[in-house]
């Protein structure tokens, strides 16, 4: 679903609601997949942010490090790419805060 642009929006909406690490991993992987259109990737990143806000962080330490590495690799990729991957790290940071008001 996330690999097909026409299905990506619906798939990300479903994954945004699911409280599993696999859903979060699918969303960050789709958001980070440079072969997908930027708009599809942005939708996935926003869905990840909503998932984390609702369910907290489900990613493992290794998966979070992978996201940091992906961001670090964007130095020459342009502002949209950098902003997209930064938004994922921001969501992770906010989700890891001890008091989120829930």
N, C-alpha and C. Protein backbone atom coordinates (compact mmCIF):
# COMPACT_ATOMS: atom_id res chain seq x y z
N UNK A 1 0.79 -1.18 0.00
CA UNK A 1 0.00 0.00 0.00
C UNK A 1 0.84 1.26 0.00
N UNK A 2 1.90 1.32 0.82
CA UNK A 2 2.71 2.54 0.90
C UNK A 2 3.59 2.72 -0.33
N UNK A 3 3.81 1.65 -1.08
CA UNK A 3 4.67 1.74 -2.26
C UNK A 3 3.92 2.23 -3.49
N UNK A 4 2.59 2.21 -3.45
CA UNK A 4 1.76 2.65 -4.57
C UNK A 4 1.16 4.00 -4.21
N UNK A 5 1.51 5.01 -4.98
CA UNK A 5 1.14 6.38 -4.62
C UNK A 5 -0.37 6.54 -4.40
N UNK A 6 -1.17 5.93 -5.24
CA UNK A 6 -2.62 6.10 -5.11
C UNK A 6 -3.18 5.46 -3.84
N UNK A 7 -2.48 4.49 -3.29
CA UNK A 7 -2.93 3.83 -2.06
C UNK A 7 -2.24 4.38 -0.81
N UNK A 8 -1.20 5.14 -1.01
CA UNK A 8 -0.37 5.56 0.12
C UNK A 8 -1.13 6.39 1.15
N UNK A 9 -1.96 7.30 0.70
CA UNK A 9 -2.69 8.16 1.65
C UNK A 9 -3.60 7.33 2.53
N UNK A 10 -4.36 6.43 1.94
CA UNK A 10 -5.25 5.58 2.72
C UNK A 10 -4.46 4.67 3.66
N UNK A 11 -3.37 4.12 3.17
CA UNK A 11 -2.55 3.23 3.99
C UNK A 11 -1.94 3.97 5.18
N UNK A 12 -1.47 5.20 4.95
CA UNK A 12 -0.86 5.94 6.05
C UNK A 12 -1.91 6.33 7.09
N UNK A 13 -3.13 6.61 6.65
CA UNK A 13 -4.20 6.94 7.60
C UNK A 13 -4.50 5.75 8.51
N UNK A 14 -4.49 4.56 7.94
CA UNK A 14 -4.72 3.35 8.74
C UNK A 14 -3.55 3.14 9.71
N UNK A 15 -2.33 3.23 9.20
CA UNK A 15 -1.15 3.02 10.04
C UNK A 15 -1.05 4.07 11.16
N UNK A 16 -1.53 5.27 10.90
CA UNK A 16 -1.47 6.32 11.93
C UNK A 16 -2.28 5.92 13.16
N UNK A 17 -3.28 5.06 13.00
CA UNK A 17 -4.16 4.67 14.10
C UNK A 17 -3.70 3.42 14.84
N UNK A 18 -2.80 2.65 14.24
CA UNK A 18 -2.42 1.35 14.79
C UNK A 18 -1.30 1.50 15.81
N UNK A 19 -1.49 0.90 16.97
CA UNK A 19 -0.51 1.00 18.06
C UNK A 19 0.43 -0.20 18.02
N UNK A 20 1.32 -0.19 17.02
CA UNK A 20 2.35 -1.23 16.94
C UNK A 20 3.65 -0.61 16.45
N UNK A 21 4.77 -1.17 16.89
CA UNK A 21 6.05 -0.71 16.35
C UNK A 21 6.13 -0.90 14.83
N UNK A 22 5.52 -1.96 14.31
CA UNK A 22 5.56 -2.21 12.87
C UNK A 22 4.88 -1.09 12.09
N UNK A 23 3.78 -0.56 12.62
CA UNK A 23 3.10 0.55 11.95
C UNK A 23 4.02 1.78 11.90
N UNK A 24 4.67 2.08 13.02
CA UNK A 24 5.58 3.23 13.04
C UNK A 24 6.77 3.01 12.11
N UNK A 25 7.31 1.80 12.09
CA UNK A 25 8.44 1.51 11.21
C UNK A 25 8.02 1.65 9.75
N UNK A 26 6.85 1.16 9.40
CA UNK A 26 6.36 1.30 8.04
C UNK A 26 6.22 2.76 7.62
N UNK A 27 5.74 3.57 8.54
CA UNK A 27 5.58 5.00 8.24
C UNK A 27 6.92 5.72 8.08
N UNK A 28 7.86 5.46 8.98
CA UNK A 28 9.16 6.15 8.84
C UNK A 28 9.93 5.63 7.63
N UNK A 29 9.79 4.35 7.33
CA UNK A 29 10.45 3.81 6.14
C UNK A 29 9.87 4.43 4.87
N UNK A 30 8.54 4.57 4.82
CA UNK A 30 7.92 5.20 3.66
C UNK A 30 8.32 6.66 3.56
N UNK A 31 8.33 7.36 4.67
CA UNK A 31 8.71 8.78 4.67
C UNK A 31 10.16 8.98 4.25
N UNK A 32 10.99 7.98 4.49
CA UNK A 32 12.42 8.08 4.18
C UNK A 32 12.78 7.50 2.82
N UNK A 33 11.82 6.90 2.13
CA UNK A 33 12.08 6.22 0.84
C UNK A 33 12.18 7.25 -0.28
N UNK A 34 13.38 7.53 -0.70
CA UNK A 34 13.60 8.58 -1.70
C UNK A 34 13.00 8.26 -3.06
N UNK A 35 12.64 7.01 -3.32
CA UNK A 35 12.04 6.66 -4.60
C UNK A 35 10.54 6.98 -4.65
N UNK A 36 9.94 7.28 -3.50
CA UNK A 36 8.54 7.67 -3.46
C UNK A 36 8.42 9.17 -3.70
N UNK A 37 7.31 9.63 -4.25
CA UNK A 37 7.13 11.08 -4.44
C UNK A 37 7.17 11.82 -3.10
N UNK A 38 7.66 13.03 -3.12
CA UNK A 38 7.80 13.82 -1.90
C UNK A 38 6.46 13.96 -1.18
N UNK A 39 5.38 14.20 -1.91
CA UNK A 39 4.08 14.38 -1.25
C UNK A 39 3.66 13.11 -0.51
N UNK A 40 3.91 11.95 -1.08
CA UNK A 40 3.59 10.68 -0.42
C UNK A 40 4.41 10.54 0.85
N UNK A 41 5.66 10.90 0.77
CA UNK A 41 6.56 10.81 1.92
C UNK A 41 6.14 11.78 3.02
N UNK A 42 5.69 12.97 2.64
CA UNK A 42 5.23 13.94 3.63
C UNK A 42 3.97 13.45 4.34
N UNK A 43 3.08 12.81 3.60
CA UNK A 43 1.87 12.24 4.20
C UNK A 43 2.25 11.17 5.22
N UNK A 44 3.22 10.33 4.88
CA UNK A 44 3.68 9.28 5.80
C UNK A 44 4.31 9.88 7.05
N UNK A 45 5.10 10.95 6.89
CA UNK A 45 5.73 11.60 8.05
C UNK A 45 4.69 12.20 8.98
N UNK A 46 3.66 12.82 8.42
CA UNK A 46 2.60 13.40 9.24
C UNK A 46 1.81 12.31 9.96
N UNK A 47 1.59 11.19 9.28
CA UNK A 47 0.89 10.07 9.92
C UNK A 47 1.73 9.50 11.06
N UNK A 48 3.04 9.44 10.88
CA UNK A 48 3.93 8.98 11.94
C UNK A 48 3.82 9.91 13.15
N UNK A 49 3.82 11.20 12.89
CA UNK A 49 3.71 12.19 13.98
C UNK A 49 2.41 11.97 14.77
N UNK A 50 1.31 11.76 14.07
CA UNK A 50 0.03 11.52 14.74
C UNK A 50 0.06 10.22 15.54
N UNK A 51 0.68 9.18 14.97
CA UNK A 51 0.77 7.90 15.65
C UNK A 51 1.56 8.04 16.95
N UNK A 52 2.69 8.71 16.89
CA UNK A 52 3.52 8.90 18.09
C UNK A 52 2.79 9.75 19.13
N UNK A 53 2.09 10.78 18.68
CA UNK A 53 1.35 11.63 19.62
C UNK A 53 0.27 10.83 20.34
N UNK A 54 -0.31 9.89 19.66
CA UNK A 54 -1.39 9.10 20.24
C UNK A 54 -0.89 7.90 21.05
N UNK A 55 0.17 7.25 20.57
CA UNK A 55 0.60 5.97 21.15
C UNK A 55 1.98 5.99 21.79
N UNK A 56 2.74 7.06 21.65
CA UNK A 56 4.11 7.06 22.15
C UNK A 56 5.06 6.40 21.16
N UNK A 57 6.31 6.31 21.54
CA UNK A 57 7.34 5.75 20.66
C UNK A 57 7.29 4.23 20.69
N UNK A 58 7.21 3.63 19.52
CA UNK A 58 7.26 2.18 19.42
C UNK A 58 8.52 1.69 18.73
N UNK A 59 9.28 2.62 18.18
CA UNK A 59 10.51 2.25 17.47
C UNK A 59 11.58 1.80 18.46
N UNK A 60 12.41 0.87 18.02
CA UNK A 60 13.54 0.43 18.85
C UNK A 60 14.64 1.49 18.80
N UNK A 61 15.59 1.36 19.71
CA UNK A 61 16.74 2.29 19.72
C UNK A 61 17.48 2.23 18.39
N UNK A 62 17.62 1.05 17.81
CA UNK A 62 18.31 0.89 16.52
C UNK A 62 17.54 1.59 15.40
N UNK A 63 16.21 1.50 15.43
CA UNK A 63 15.40 2.16 14.41
C UNK A 63 15.46 3.68 14.54
N UNK A 64 15.52 4.16 15.77
CA UNK A 64 15.67 5.61 16.00
C UNK A 64 17.03 6.07 15.51
N UNK A 65 18.07 5.29 15.78
CA UNK A 65 19.40 5.64 15.30
C UNK A 65 19.43 5.66 13.77
N UNK A 66 18.73 4.72 13.15
CA UNK A 66 18.67 4.68 11.69
C UNK A 66 18.06 5.98 11.15
N UNK A 67 17.02 6.49 11.83
CA UNK A 67 16.41 7.75 11.42
C UNK A 67 17.40 8.90 11.58
N UNK A 68 18.17 8.90 12.66
CA UNK A 68 19.19 9.95 12.85
C UNK A 68 20.22 9.88 11.74
N UNK A 69 20.62 8.66 11.38
CA UNK A 69 21.60 8.48 10.29
C UNK A 69 21.03 8.96 8.96
N UNK A 70 19.74 8.67 8.73
CA UNK A 70 19.10 9.13 7.49
C UNK A 70 19.10 10.65 7.44
N UNK A 71 18.80 11.28 8.56
CA UNK A 71 18.80 12.75 8.60
C UNK A 71 20.21 13.29 8.34
N UNK A 72 21.20 12.70 9.01
CA UNK A 72 22.58 13.16 8.84
C UNK A 72 23.04 13.04 7.39
N UNK A 73 22.49 12.10 6.66
CA UNK A 73 22.87 11.88 5.26
C UNK A 73 22.21 12.87 4.30
N UNK A 74 21.35 13.75 4.81
CA UNK A 74 20.62 14.68 3.93
C UNK A 74 21.35 15.98 3.67
N UNK A 75 22.58 16.11 4.13
CA UNK A 75 23.30 17.37 4.00
C UNK A 75 23.21 17.98 2.60
N UNK A 76 23.34 17.17 1.57
CA UNK A 76 23.33 17.70 0.21
C UNK A 76 22.05 17.34 -0.54
N UNK A 77 21.01 17.00 0.19
CA UNK A 77 19.79 16.52 -0.46
C UNK A 77 18.74 17.60 -0.69
N UNK A 78 18.93 18.77 -0.18
CA UNK A 78 17.97 19.83 -0.38
C UNK A 78 17.10 20.07 0.85
N UNK A 79 16.50 21.26 0.92
CA UNK A 79 15.76 21.65 2.11
C UNK A 79 14.50 20.83 2.38
N UNK A 80 13.80 20.38 1.33
CA UNK A 80 12.58 19.60 1.55
C UNK A 80 12.90 18.26 2.21
N UNK A 81 13.95 17.62 1.71
CA UNK A 81 14.37 16.33 2.26
C UNK A 81 14.80 16.48 3.71
N UNK A 82 15.59 17.51 3.97
CA UNK A 82 16.06 17.75 5.33
C UNK A 82 14.88 18.03 6.27
N UNK A 83 13.96 18.87 5.84
CA UNK A 83 12.80 19.20 6.67
C UNK A 83 11.92 17.97 6.94
N UNK A 84 11.76 17.14 5.94
CA UNK A 84 10.95 15.94 6.09
C UNK A 84 11.54 15.01 7.15
N UNK A 85 12.82 14.72 7.02
CA UNK A 85 13.45 13.81 7.98
C UNK A 85 13.60 14.45 9.36
N UNK A 86 13.76 15.77 9.41
CA UNK A 86 13.81 16.46 10.70
C UNK A 86 12.47 16.34 11.41
N UNK A 87 11.36 16.40 10.66
CA UNK A 87 10.04 16.30 11.28
C UNK A 87 9.85 14.94 11.96
N UNK A 88 10.45 13.91 11.42
CA UNK A 88 10.37 12.59 12.04
C UNK A 88 11.14 12.59 13.36
N UNK A 89 12.34 13.16 13.34
CA UNK A 89 13.14 13.22 14.57
C UNK A 89 12.45 14.07 15.63
N UNK A 90 11.79 15.14 15.21
CA UNK A 90 11.03 15.97 16.16
C UNK A 90 9.90 15.18 16.80
N UNK A 91 9.19 14.40 16.00
CA UNK A 91 8.10 13.57 16.53
C UNK A 91 8.64 12.55 17.52
N UNK A 92 9.79 11.97 17.22
CA UNK A 92 10.41 11.00 18.13
C UNK A 92 10.77 11.70 19.44
N UNK A 93 11.37 12.88 19.33
CA UNK A 93 11.77 13.63 20.52
C UNK A 93 10.57 13.99 21.38
N UNK A 94 9.51 14.46 20.76
CA UNK A 94 8.30 14.82 21.52
C UNK A 94 7.65 13.60 22.13
N UNK A 95 7.67 12.50 21.42
CA UNK A 95 7.08 11.26 21.93
C UNK A 95 7.86 10.67 23.09
N UNK A 96 9.13 11.02 23.17
CA UNK A 96 9.97 10.49 24.23
C UNK A 96 9.95 11.36 25.49
N UNK A 97 9.30 12.51 25.43
CA UNK A 97 9.23 13.38 26.59
C UNK A 97 8.43 12.69 27.70
N UNK A 98 8.92 12.77 28.95
CA UNK A 98 8.27 12.06 30.04
C UNK A 98 6.82 12.46 30.28
N UNK A 99 6.50 13.74 30.14
CA UNK A 99 5.12 14.18 30.39
C UNK A 99 4.57 14.78 29.12
N UNK A 100 3.68 14.04 28.49
CA UNK A 100 3.07 14.50 27.24
C UNK A 100 1.63 14.91 27.46
N UNK A 101 1.18 14.95 28.70
CA UNK A 101 -0.17 15.38 28.98
C UNK A 101 -1.21 14.30 28.77
N UNK A 102 -0.80 13.06 28.66
CA UNK A 102 -1.75 11.95 28.46
C UNK A 102 -2.05 11.25 29.75
